[in-house]
Amino acid sequence: MYLYWDSGAEVLAVDHDEDVVNSVVMDIPLTKCADVTDPEVIKQLGISNIDVVIISMASKLEASVMTTMLCKEAGVKTVIAKCGNEMDCKILSKIGADHVIFPERDSGIRLAK
C-alpha cells in the first residue's frame, strides 16, 4: 500500500495543494491531498499507525503547531518539524516536536565547522 524506498521506509506524502500532490504522485504513489490541521483528517489518514511524521510547513507556524499537536495526540512516536526562525523552533519544541530543524541555522553551523 505504501511506497517502499531503498531504505525500506514506507512513505505517505500529504499536501493541501492538489497541484503539488499531482506533481509527485509518480515518485510517491501514496500521496493525498488533505488539510492536516483537521483532527478528522488526521484520523482518516491513519496517522496513529505511522512511526515518524515530518512536518515541513516552516512558513506557516499555526499549521505546524496544530499538526504537531494532532500527531502527538494521535500517538505518533517521532515528530520532526521544520521551523523558520528561532522563536518558532522554541514553540514547536514546547508543544511536542521531538526534533526541530532550522535549515538556515543548521547549514550555517555545518559550514562554520
C-alpha atoms as a PDB file:
ATOM      1  CA  MET A   1       0.000   0.000   0.000  1.00  0.00           C
ATOM      2  CA  TYR A   2       2.839   2.415   0.784  1.00  0.00           C
ATOM      3  CA  LEU A   3       5.882   3.173  -1.318  1.00  0.00           C
ATOM      4  CA  TYR A   4       8.971   1.293  -0.184  1.00  0.00           C
ATOM      5  CA  TRP A   5      12.048   3.445  -0.732  1.00  0.00           C
ATOM      6  CA  ASP A   6      15.544   1.996  -0.945  1.00  0.00           C
ATOM      7  CA  SER A   7      15.857   2.397   2.820  1.00  0.00           C
ATOM      8  CA  GLY A   8      12.810   0.211   3.326  1.00  0.00           C
ATOM      9  CA  ALA A   9      10.675   3.077   4.643  1.00  0.00           C
ATOM     10  CA  GLU A  10       7.007   3.261   3.826  1.00  0.00           C
ATOM     11  CA  VAL A  11       6.079   6.788   2.741  1.00  0.00           C
ATOM     12  CA  LEU A  12       2.793   8.683   2.831  1.00  0.00           C
ATOM     13  CA  ALA A  13       3.002  12.255   1.492  1.00  0.00           C
ATOM     14  CA  VAL A  14       0.243  14.763   2.262  1.00  0.00           C
ATOM     15  CA  ASP A  15      -0.193  18.319   0.991  1.00  0.00           C
ATOM     16  CA  HIS A  16      -3.165  20.668   0.844  1.00  0.00           C
ATOM     17  CA  ASP A  17      -2.289  21.777  -2.718  1.00  0.00           C
ATOM     18  CA  GLU A  18      -3.659  19.400  -5.352  1.00  0.00           C
ATOM     19  CA  ASP A  19      -1.086  20.573  -7.932  1.00  0.00           C
ATOM     20  CA  VAL A  20       1.745  19.601  -5.584  1.00  0.00           C
ATOM     21  CA  VAL A  21       0.158  16.208  -4.934  1.00  0.00           C
ATOM     22  CA  ASN A  22      -0.269  15.561  -8.656  1.00  0.00           C
ATOM     23  CA  SER A  23       3.334  16.547  -9.383  1.00  0.00           C
ATOM     24  CA  VAL A  24       4.824  13.942  -7.009  1.00  0.00           C
ATOM     25  CA  VAL A  25       2.412  11.047  -7.396  1.00  0.00           C
ATOM     26  CA  MET A  26       4.732   9.279  -9.865  1.00  0.00           C
ATOM     27  CA  ASP A  27       7.560   9.308  -7.285  1.00  0.00           C
ATOM     28  CA  ILE A  28       5.392   8.749  -4.212  1.00  0.00           C
ATOM     29  CA  PRO A  29       2.354   6.682  -5.188  1.00  0.00           C
ATOM     30  CA  LEU A  30       0.648   7.068  -1.812  1.00  0.00           C
ATOM     31  CA  THR A  31       0.072  10.802  -1.881  1.00  0.00           C
ATOM     32  CA  LYS A  32      -3.024  12.506  -0.504  1.00  0.00           C
ATOM     33  CA  CYS A  33      -4.476  15.976  -0.823  1.00  0.00           C
ATOM     34  CA  ALA A  34      -5.730  16.931   2.623  1.00  0.00           C
ATOM     35  CA  ASP A  35      -5.731  19.550   5.384  1.00  0.00           C
ATOM     36  CA  VAL A  36      -3.605  18.021   8.148  1.00  0.00           C
ATOM     37  CA  THR A  37      -4.701  20.688  10.626  1.00  0.00           C
ATOM     38  CA  ASP A  38      -8.115  18.990  10.746  1.00  0.00           C
ATOM     39  CA  PRO A  39      -8.334  16.361  13.518  1.00  0.00           C
ATOM     40  CA  GLU A  40     -10.748  14.251  11.460  1.00  0.00           C
ATOM     41  CA  VAL A  41      -8.300  14.166   8.526  1.00  0.00           C
ATOM     42  CA  ILE A  42      -5.510  13.014  10.864  1.00  0.00           C
ATOM     43  CA  LYS A  43      -7.780  10.188  11.996  1.00  0.00           C
ATOM     44  CA  GLN A  44      -8.823   9.232   8.431  1.00  0.00           C
ATOM     45  CA  LEU A  45      -5.201   9.140   7.232  1.00  0.00           C
ATOM     46  CA  GLY A  46      -4.333   6.652   9.961  1.00  0.00           C
ATOM     47  CA  ILE A  47      -1.542   8.837  11.318  1.00  0.00           C
ATOM     48  CA  SER A  48      -1.656   6.902  14.599  1.00  0.00           C
ATOM     49  CA  ASN A  49      -0.098   3.950  12.719  1.00  0.00           C
ATOM     50  CA  ILE A  50       2.878   5.984  11.490  1.00  0.00           C
ATOM     51  CA  ASP A  51       6.184   5.920  13.392  1.00  0.00           C
ATOM     52  CA  VAL A  52       7.697   9.189  12.126  1.00  0.00           C
ATOM     53  CA  VAL A  53       5.970  12.287  10.776  1.00  0.00           C
ATOM     54  CA  ILE A  54       7.918  15.101   9.132  1.00  0.00           C
ATOM     55  CA  ILE A  55       6.147  18.463   9.129  1.00  0.00           C
ATOM     56  CA  SER A  56       7.713  20.889   6.669  1.00  0.00           C
ATOM     57  CA  MET A  57       5.400  23.908   6.779  1.00  0.00           C
ATOM     58  CA  ALA A  58       8.015  26.306   8.171  1.00  0.00           C
ATOM     59  CA  SER A  59       6.339  29.406   6.773  1.00  0.00           C
ATOM     60  CA  LYS A  60       3.021  28.539   8.441  1.00  0.00           C
ATOM     61  CA  LEU A  61       3.609  28.387  12.188  1.00  0.00           C
ATOM     62  CA  GLU A  62      -0.039  27.930  13.164  1.00  0.00           C
ATOM     63  CA  ALA A  63      -0.437  24.954  10.801  1.00  0.00           C
ATOM     64  CA  SER A  64       2.850  23.454  12.014  1.00  0.00           C
ATOM     65  CA  VAL A  65       1.806  23.798  15.655  1.00  0.00           C
ATOM     66  CA  MET A  66      -1.636  22.317  15.040  1.00  0.00           C
ATOM     67  CA  THR A  67      -0.287  19.407  13.002  1.00  0.00           C
ATOM     68  CA  THR A  68       2.458  18.657  15.528  1.00  0.00           C
ATOM     69  CA  MET A  69      -0.037  18.644  18.365  1.00  0.00           C
ATOM     70  CA  LEU A  70      -2.527  16.446  16.493  1.00  0.00           C
ATOM     71  CA  CYS A  71       0.167  13.940  15.503  1.00  0.00           C
ATOM     72  CA  LYS A  72       1.468  13.663  19.070  1.00  0.00           C
ATOM     73  CA  GLU A  73      -2.086  13.280  20.393  1.00  0.00           C
ATOM     74  CA  ALA A  74      -2.657  10.518  17.814  1.00  0.00           C
ATOM     75  CA  GLY A  75       0.313   8.636  19.231  1.00  0.00           C
ATOM     76  CA  VAL A  76       2.997   9.289  16.619  1.00  0.00           C
ATOM     77  CA  LYS A  77       6.297   8.252  18.220  1.00  0.00           C
ATOM     78  CA  THR A  78       8.527  10.817  16.499  1.00  0.00           C
ATOM     79  CA  VAL A  79       7.521  14.180  15.070  1.00  0.00           C
ATOM     80  CA  ILE A  80      10.152  16.156  13.178  1.00  0.00           C
ATOM     81  CA  ALA A  81       9.159  19.753  12.427  1.00  0.00           C
ATOM     82  CA  LYS A  82      10.840  22.351  10.236  1.00  0.00           C
ATOM     83  CA  CYS A  83      10.885  25.908  11.568  1.00  0.00           C
ATOM     84  CA  GLY A  84      11.629  29.268  10.008  1.00  0.00           C
ATOM     85  CA  ASN A  85      13.175  31.112  12.951  1.00  0.00           C
ATOM     86  CA  GLU A  86      14.445  30.601  16.498  1.00  0.00           C
ATOM     87  CA  MET A  87      11.151  31.520  18.191  1.00  0.00           C
ATOM     88  CA  ASP A  88       9.200  29.062  16.023  1.00  0.00           C
ATOM     89  CA  CYS A  89      11.750  26.378  16.968  1.00  0.00           C
ATOM     90  CA  LYS A  90      11.088  27.017  20.658  1.00  0.00           C
ATOM     91  CA  ILE A  91       7.325  26.907  20.187  1.00  0.00           C
ATOM     92  CA  LEU A  92       7.392  23.652  18.216  1.00  0.00           C
ATOM     93  CA  SER A  93       9.670  22.050  20.790  1.00  0.00           C
ATOM     94  CA  LYS A  94       7.427  23.106  23.663  1.00  0.00           C
ATOM     95  CA  ILE A  95       4.266  21.711  22.079  1.00  0.00           C
ATOM     96  CA  GLY A  96       5.811  18.303  21.489  1.00  0.00           C
ATOM     97  CA  ALA A  97       8.008  18.130  18.383  1.00  0.00           C
ATOM     98  CA  ASP A  98      10.715  15.557  19.085  1.00  0.00           C
ATOM     99  CA  HIS A  99      13.182  17.159  16.672  1.00  0.00           C
ATOM    100  CA  VAL A 100      13.083  20.683  15.273  1.00  0.00           C
ATOM    101  CA  ILE A 101      15.041  21.520  12.156  1.00  0.00           C
ATOM    102  CA  PHE A 102      16.013  25.090  11.293  1.00  0.00           C
ATOM    103  CA  PRO A 103      17.757  24.634   7.911  1.00  0.00           C
ATOM    104  CA  GLU A 104      19.355  28.061   7.738  1.00  0.00           C
ATOM    105  CA  ARG A 105      20.873  27.782  11.226  1.00  0.00           C
ATOM    106  CA  ASP A 106      21.858  24.130  10.795  1.00  0.00           C
ATOM    107  CA  SER A 107      23.538  24.815   7.438  1.00  0.00           C
ATOM    108  CA  GLY A 108      25.431  27.759   8.904  1.00  0.00           C
ATOM    109  CA  ILE A 109      26.722  25.639  11.762  1.00  0.00           C
ATOM    110  CA  ARG A 110      27.855  22.875   9.378  1.00  0.00           C
ATOM    111  CA  LEU A 111      29.543  25.403   7.108  1.00  0.00           C
ATOM    112  CA  ALA A 112      31.330  27.059  10.025  1.00  0.00           C
ATOM    113  CA  LYS A 113      32.733  23.727  11.165  1.00  0.00           C
END
